[in-house]
Amino acid sequence: MKPCRKKDIVLKKLGKETLLYNPTTDKVHTLNPTASLIWSLCDGKHSLQEIKKAIYENFSIKETIEIEKDILKNLKELQELGLLEEVKSSEKRIKRLERAKQVFKLCE
């Protein structure tokens, strides 16, 4: 999964917080520093594992502390607020790839 933020969201830094304005819903959302880092990495290029690594590094968190559930919760909340693009299920892509392989195998 490589989450991607919507292009029309307006961002404003205010001290340690980040404000996001969604013109579609006409609502402003406030992000704390951790959520702000997650948001900044939602560019369609960073995977969940890369986001996780960035949080460990930027906030000096020991890697023995599990944070993946918190990241997923944050991503889900951003999605529900309409701040992220719809993420196509990688599971569906895998199934399509497997089906394509089967079809091509039959053609050999």
N, C-alpha and C. Protein backbone atom coordinates (compact mmCIF):
# COMPACT_ATOMS: atom_id res chain seq x y z
N MET A 1 0.84 -1.17 0.00
CA MET A 1 0.00 0.00 0.00
C MET A 1 0.89 1.24 0.00
N LYS A 2 0.64 2.13 -0.94
CA LYS A 2 1.36 3.40 -1.01
C LYS A 2 0.31 4.52 -1.05
N PRO A 3 -0.09 5.00 0.13
CA PRO A 3 -1.15 6.00 0.19
C PRO A 3 -0.77 7.30 -0.51
N CYS A 4 -1.78 7.97 -1.04
CA CYS A 4 -1.55 9.21 -1.80
C CYS A 4 -2.57 10.27 -1.37
N ARG A 5 -2.05 11.43 -0.99
CA ARG A 5 -2.94 12.52 -0.57
C ARG A 5 -3.63 13.13 -1.78
N LYS A 6 -4.81 13.69 -1.55
CA LYS A 6 -5.54 14.35 -2.62
C LYS A 6 -4.81 15.64 -3.00
N LYS A 7 -4.84 15.96 -4.27
CA LYS A 7 -4.08 17.10 -4.79
C LYS A 7 -4.67 18.45 -4.41
N ASP A 8 -5.99 18.50 -4.14
CA ASP A 8 -6.62 19.79 -3.89
C ASP A 8 -6.61 20.22 -2.42
N ILE A 9 -5.97 19.44 -1.55
CA ILE A 9 -5.92 19.77 -0.13
C ILE A 9 -4.90 20.90 0.09
N VAL A 10 -5.31 21.92 0.84
CA VAL A 10 -4.44 23.06 1.12
C VAL A 10 -3.79 22.86 2.48
N LEU A 11 -2.47 23.03 2.52
CA LEU A 11 -1.70 22.79 3.74
C LEU A 11 -1.16 24.10 4.29
N LYS A 12 -1.20 24.25 5.62
CA LYS A 12 -0.64 25.42 6.28
C LYS A 12 0.02 24.95 7.57
N LYS A 13 1.31 25.25 7.74
CA LYS A 13 2.03 24.91 8.97
C LYS A 13 1.76 26.01 10.00
N LEU A 14 1.49 25.59 11.23
CA LEU A 14 1.23 26.53 12.31
C LEU A 14 1.94 26.01 13.55
N GLY A 15 3.17 26.47 13.75
CA GLY A 15 3.98 25.95 14.85
C GLY A 15 4.30 24.49 14.59
N LYS A 16 4.01 23.64 15.57
CA LYS A 16 4.27 22.20 15.43
C LYS A 16 3.11 21.47 14.77
N GLU A 17 2.02 22.16 14.55
CA GLU A 17 0.84 21.54 13.96
C GLU A 17 0.74 21.86 12.47
N THR A 18 -0.01 21.02 11.78
CA THR A 18 -0.27 21.22 10.37
C THR A 18 -1.78 21.33 10.20
N LEU A 19 -2.22 22.34 9.46
CA LEU A 19 -3.63 22.50 9.15
C LEU A 19 -3.85 22.07 7.72
N LEU A 20 -4.89 21.27 7.51
CA LEU A 20 -5.27 20.84 6.17
C LEU A 20 -6.67 21.32 5.88
N TYR A 21 -6.84 21.98 4.76
CA TYR A 21 -8.17 22.44 4.35
C TYR A 21 -8.63 21.60 3.16
N ASN A 22 -9.80 21.01 3.31
CA ASN A 22 -10.38 20.20 2.25
C ASN A 22 -11.48 21.04 1.58
N PRO A 23 -11.23 21.55 0.37
CA PRO A 23 -12.23 22.39 -0.29
C PRO A 23 -13.51 21.65 -0.67
N THR A 24 -13.42 20.34 -0.81
CA THR A 24 -14.61 19.55 -1.15
C THR A 24 -15.61 19.55 0.00
N THR A 25 -15.10 19.41 1.22
CA THR A 25 -15.98 19.37 2.40
C THR A 25 -16.04 20.71 3.12
N ASP A 26 -15.16 21.65 2.73
CA ASP A 26 -15.05 22.96 3.37
C ASP A 26 -14.72 22.83 4.86
N LYS A 27 -13.84 21.87 5.18
CA LYS A 27 -13.46 21.64 6.57
C LYS A 27 -11.95 21.75 6.73
N VAL A 28 -11.54 22.18 7.93
CA VAL A 28 -10.13 22.27 8.28
C VAL A 28 -9.83 21.18 9.30
N HIS A 29 -8.70 20.51 9.12
CA HIS A 29 -8.28 19.43 10.02
C HIS A 29 -6.90 19.77 10.56
N THR A 30 -6.68 19.47 11.85
CA THR A 30 -5.41 19.75 12.51
C THR A 30 -4.66 18.44 12.72
N LEU A 31 -3.38 18.44 12.32
CA LEU A 31 -2.54 17.26 12.49
C LEU A 31 -1.43 17.55 13.49
N ASN A 32 -1.18 16.60 14.37
CA ASN A 32 -0.04 16.72 15.28
C ASN A 32 1.22 16.37 14.49
N PRO A 33 2.40 16.52 15.09
CA PRO A 33 3.65 16.25 14.34
C PRO A 33 3.73 14.85 13.74
N THR A 34 3.27 13.84 14.44
CA THR A 34 3.33 12.47 13.91
C THR A 34 2.41 12.32 12.71
N ALA A 35 1.17 12.77 12.85
CA ALA A 35 0.21 12.70 11.74
C ALA A 35 0.69 13.55 10.57
N SER A 36 1.34 14.65 10.87
CA SER A 36 1.87 15.52 9.81
C SER A 36 2.95 14.81 9.00
N LEU A 37 3.81 14.07 9.68
CA LEU A 37 4.85 13.31 8.98
C LEU A 37 4.21 12.23 8.11
N ILE A 38 3.23 11.53 8.67
CA ILE A 38 2.54 10.51 7.89
C ILE A 38 1.92 11.15 6.65
N TRP A 39 1.25 12.29 6.84
CA TRP A 39 0.61 13.00 5.72
C TRP A 39 1.65 13.35 4.65
N SER A 40 2.80 13.87 5.09
CA SER A 40 3.81 14.30 4.12
C SER A 40 4.34 13.13 3.29
N LEU A 41 4.28 11.92 3.85
CA LEU A 41 4.78 10.73 3.15
C LEU A 41 3.70 10.05 2.32
N CYS A 42 2.49 10.56 2.37
CA CYS A 42 1.40 10.03 1.55
C CYS A 42 1.47 10.65 0.16
N ASP A 43 2.50 10.26 -0.58
CA ASP A 43 2.74 10.83 -1.90
C ASP A 43 2.60 9.78 -3.01
N GLY A 44 2.13 8.60 -2.63
CA GLY A 44 1.99 7.53 -3.60
C GLY A 44 3.30 6.81 -3.89
N LYS A 45 4.37 7.24 -3.23
CA LYS A 45 5.68 6.64 -3.45
C LYS A 45 6.19 5.87 -2.23
N HIS A 46 5.70 6.25 -1.05
CA HIS A 46 6.17 5.63 0.19
C HIS A 46 5.22 4.53 0.64
N SER A 47 5.80 3.38 0.94
CA SER A 47 5.02 2.24 1.43
C SER A 47 4.79 2.39 2.93
N LEU A 48 3.95 1.53 3.45
CA LEU A 48 3.69 1.52 4.89
C LEU A 48 5.00 1.29 5.66
N GLN A 49 5.83 0.40 5.17
CA GLN A 49 7.10 0.12 5.84
C GLN A 49 8.03 1.34 5.83
N GLU A 50 8.01 2.10 4.75
CA GLU A 50 8.85 3.30 4.67
C GLU A 50 8.32 4.39 5.61
N ILE A 51 7.01 4.49 5.72
CA ILE A 51 6.41 5.46 6.65
C ILE A 51 6.77 5.07 8.09
N LYS A 52 6.68 3.80 8.36
CA LYS A 52 7.02 3.27 9.69
C LYS A 52 8.47 3.61 10.03
N LYS A 53 9.37 3.37 9.09
CA LYS A 53 10.80 3.65 9.30
C LYS A 53 11.03 5.14 9.56
N ALA A 54 10.34 5.99 8.82
CA ALA A 54 10.50 7.44 8.99
C ALA A 54 10.04 7.89 10.38
N ILE A 55 8.98 7.29 10.88
CA ILE A 55 8.50 7.65 12.22
C ILE A 55 9.50 7.21 13.27
N TYR A 56 10.02 5.99 13.14
CA TYR A 56 11.05 5.54 14.08
C TYR A 56 12.23 6.51 14.09
N GLU A 57 12.68 6.92 12.92
CA GLU A 57 13.85 7.78 12.82
C GLU A 57 13.58 9.21 13.28
N ASN A 58 12.46 9.79 12.88
CA ASN A 58 12.18 11.19 13.19
C ASN A 58 11.78 11.44 14.64
N PHE A 59 11.25 10.44 15.29
CA PHE A 59 10.79 10.62 16.66
C PHE A 59 11.59 9.80 17.67
N SER A 60 12.73 9.26 17.22
CA SER A 60 13.63 8.48 18.08
C SER A 60 12.88 7.42 18.89
N ILE A 61 12.04 6.67 18.19
CA ILE A 61 11.28 5.59 18.82
C ILE A 61 12.06 4.30 18.62
N LYS A 62 12.15 3.50 19.67
CA LYS A 62 12.84 2.22 19.57
C LYS A 62 12.03 1.30 18.65
N GLU A 63 12.71 0.60 17.79
CA GLU A 63 12.04 -0.27 16.82
C GLU A 63 11.37 -1.48 17.47
N THR A 64 11.60 -1.65 18.76
CA THR A 64 10.92 -2.73 19.47
C THR A 64 9.48 -2.34 19.80
N ILE A 65 9.18 -1.07 19.70
CA ILE A 65 7.82 -0.59 19.95
C ILE A 65 7.04 -0.68 18.64
N GLU A 66 5.93 -1.40 18.67
CA GLU A 66 5.12 -1.61 17.46
C GLU A 66 4.22 -0.40 17.21
N ILE A 67 4.35 0.18 16.02
CA ILE A 67 3.58 1.38 15.69
C ILE A 67 2.71 1.21 14.45
N GLU A 68 2.77 0.05 13.81
CA GLU A 68 2.06 -0.15 12.55
C GLU A 68 0.55 0.05 12.70
N LYS A 69 -0.03 -0.46 13.78
CA LYS A 69 -1.48 -0.30 13.99
C LYS A 69 -1.86 1.18 14.09
N ASP A 70 -1.00 1.96 14.76
CA ASP A 70 -1.26 3.39 14.90
C ASP A 70 -1.19 4.10 13.55
N ILE A 71 -0.23 3.70 12.72
CA ILE A 71 -0.11 4.29 11.39
C ILE A 71 -1.34 3.96 10.55
N LEU A 72 -1.74 2.69 10.59
CA LEU A 72 -2.92 2.27 9.82
C LEU A 72 -4.18 3.00 10.30
N LYS A 73 -4.29 3.19 11.60
CA LYS A 73 -5.43 3.93 12.16
C LYS A 73 -5.43 5.37 11.64
N ASN A 74 -4.24 5.97 11.62
CA ASN A 74 -4.11 7.34 11.13
C ASN A 74 -4.46 7.43 9.66
N LEU A 75 -3.97 6.48 8.86
CA LEU A 75 -4.27 6.47 7.43
C LEU A 75 -5.77 6.28 7.17
N LYS A 76 -6.38 5.42 7.97
CA LYS A 76 -7.82 5.19 7.83
C LYS A 76 -8.59 6.47 8.14
N GLU A 77 -8.17 7.17 9.18
CA GLU A 77 -8.83 8.42 9.54
C GLU A 77 -8.66 9.48 8.45
N LEU A 78 -7.46 9.59 7.90
CA LEU A 78 -7.24 10.54 6.80
C LEU A 78 -8.11 10.18 5.60
N GLN A 79 -8.25 8.89 5.34
CA GLN A 79 -9.10 8.42 4.24
C GLN A 79 -10.56 8.80 4.49
N GLU A 80 -11.03 8.53 5.71
CA GLU A 80 -12.42 8.80 6.06
C GLU A 80 -12.74 10.30 6.01
N LEU A 81 -11.73 11.13 6.27
CA LEU A 81 -11.92 12.58 6.21
C LEU A 81 -11.86 13.11 4.78
N GLY A 82 -11.58 12.21 3.83
CA GLY A 82 -11.53 12.61 2.43
C GLY A 82 -10.25 13.31 2.04
N LEU A 83 -9.17 13.03 2.77
CA LEU A 83 -7.90 13.70 2.52
C LEU A 83 -6.95 12.86 1.67
N LEU A 84 -7.26 11.57 1.51
CA LEU A 84 -6.43 10.68 0.70
C LEU A 84 -7.22 10.18 -0.50
N GLU A 85 -6.48 9.88 -1.55
CA GLU A 85 -7.09 9.26 -2.73
C GLU A 85 -7.51 7.85 -2.35
N GLU A 86 -8.46 7.31 -3.08
CA GLU A 86 -8.85 5.92 -2.87
C GLU A 86 -7.64 5.04 -3.16
N VAL A 87 -7.36 4.14 -2.26
CA VAL A 87 -6.24 3.23 -2.45
C VAL A 87 -6.78 1.95 -3.06
N LYS A 88 -6.28 1.60 -4.24
CA LYS A 88 -6.69 0.35 -4.88
C LYS A 88 -6.08 -0.80 -4.12
N SER A 89 -6.88 -1.76 -3.86
CA SER A 89 -6.43 -2.92 -3.10
C SER A 89 -5.34 -3.68 -3.85
N SER A 90 -4.22 -3.86 -3.18
CA SER A 90 -3.14 -4.64 -3.81
C SER A 90 -3.57 -6.09 -3.94
N GLU A 91 -4.49 -6.51 -3.08
CA GLU A 91 -5.00 -7.88 -3.17
C GLU A 91 -5.70 -8.10 -4.51
N LYS A 92 -6.49 -7.13 -4.97
CA LYS A 92 -7.17 -7.25 -6.26
C LYS A 92 -6.16 -7.31 -7.40
N ARG A 93 -5.11 -6.50 -7.30
CA ARG A 93 -4.08 -6.51 -8.34
C ARG A 93 -3.38 -7.85 -8.40
N ILE A 94 -3.11 -8.42 -7.23
CA ILE A 94 -2.44 -9.72 -7.18
C ILE A 94 -3.32 -10.79 -7.83
N LYS A 95 -4.62 -10.76 -7.52
CA LYS A 95 -5.55 -11.72 -8.11
C LYS A 95 -5.60 -11.58 -9.62
N ARG A 96 -5.59 -10.34 -10.13
CA ARG A 96 -5.60 -10.12 -11.58
C ARG A 96 -4.32 -10.65 -12.20
N LEU A 97 -3.19 -10.44 -11.53
CA LEU A 97 -1.92 -10.94 -12.05
C LEU A 97 -1.90 -12.46 -12.09
N GLU A 98 -2.41 -13.07 -11.02
CA GLU A 98 -2.46 -14.53 -10.99
C GLU A 98 -3.35 -15.06 -12.11
N ARG A 99 -4.48 -14.42 -12.33
CA ARG A 99 -5.41 -14.83 -13.40
C ARG A 99 -4.75 -14.67 -14.76
N ALA A 100 -4.05 -13.57 -14.96
CA ALA A 100 -3.37 -13.35 -16.24
C ALA A 100 -2.31 -14.43 -16.48
N LYS A 101 -1.59 -14.81 -15.43
CA LYS A 101 -0.58 -15.86 -15.57
C LYS A 101 -1.24 -17.18 -15.97
N GLN A 102 -2.40 -17.47 -15.37
CA GLN A 102 -3.13 -18.69 -15.70
C GLN A 102 -3.56 -18.68 -17.16
N VAL A 103 -4.09 -17.56 -17.61
CA VAL A 103 -4.55 -17.44 -18.99
C VAL A 103 -3.39 -17.64 -19.96
N PHE A 104 -2.26 -16.98 -19.70
CA PHE A 104 -1.11 -17.11 -20.60
C PHE A 104 -0.53 -18.51 -20.57
N LYS A 105 -0.61 -19.16 -19.41
CA LYS A 105 -0.11 -20.52 -19.30
C LYS A 105 -0.95 -21.46 -20.17
N LEU A 106 -2.27 -21.22 -20.22
CA LEU A 106 -3.16 -22.03 -21.04
C LEU A 106 -2.85 -21.85 -22.53
N CYS A 107 -2.36 -20.68 -22.89
CA CYS A 107 -2.09 -20.37 -24.29
C CYS A 107 -0.78 -20.98 -24.77
N GLU A 108 0.05 -21.47 -23.88
CA GLU A 108 1.37 -22.01 -24.29
C GLU A 108 1.21 -23.35 -24.97
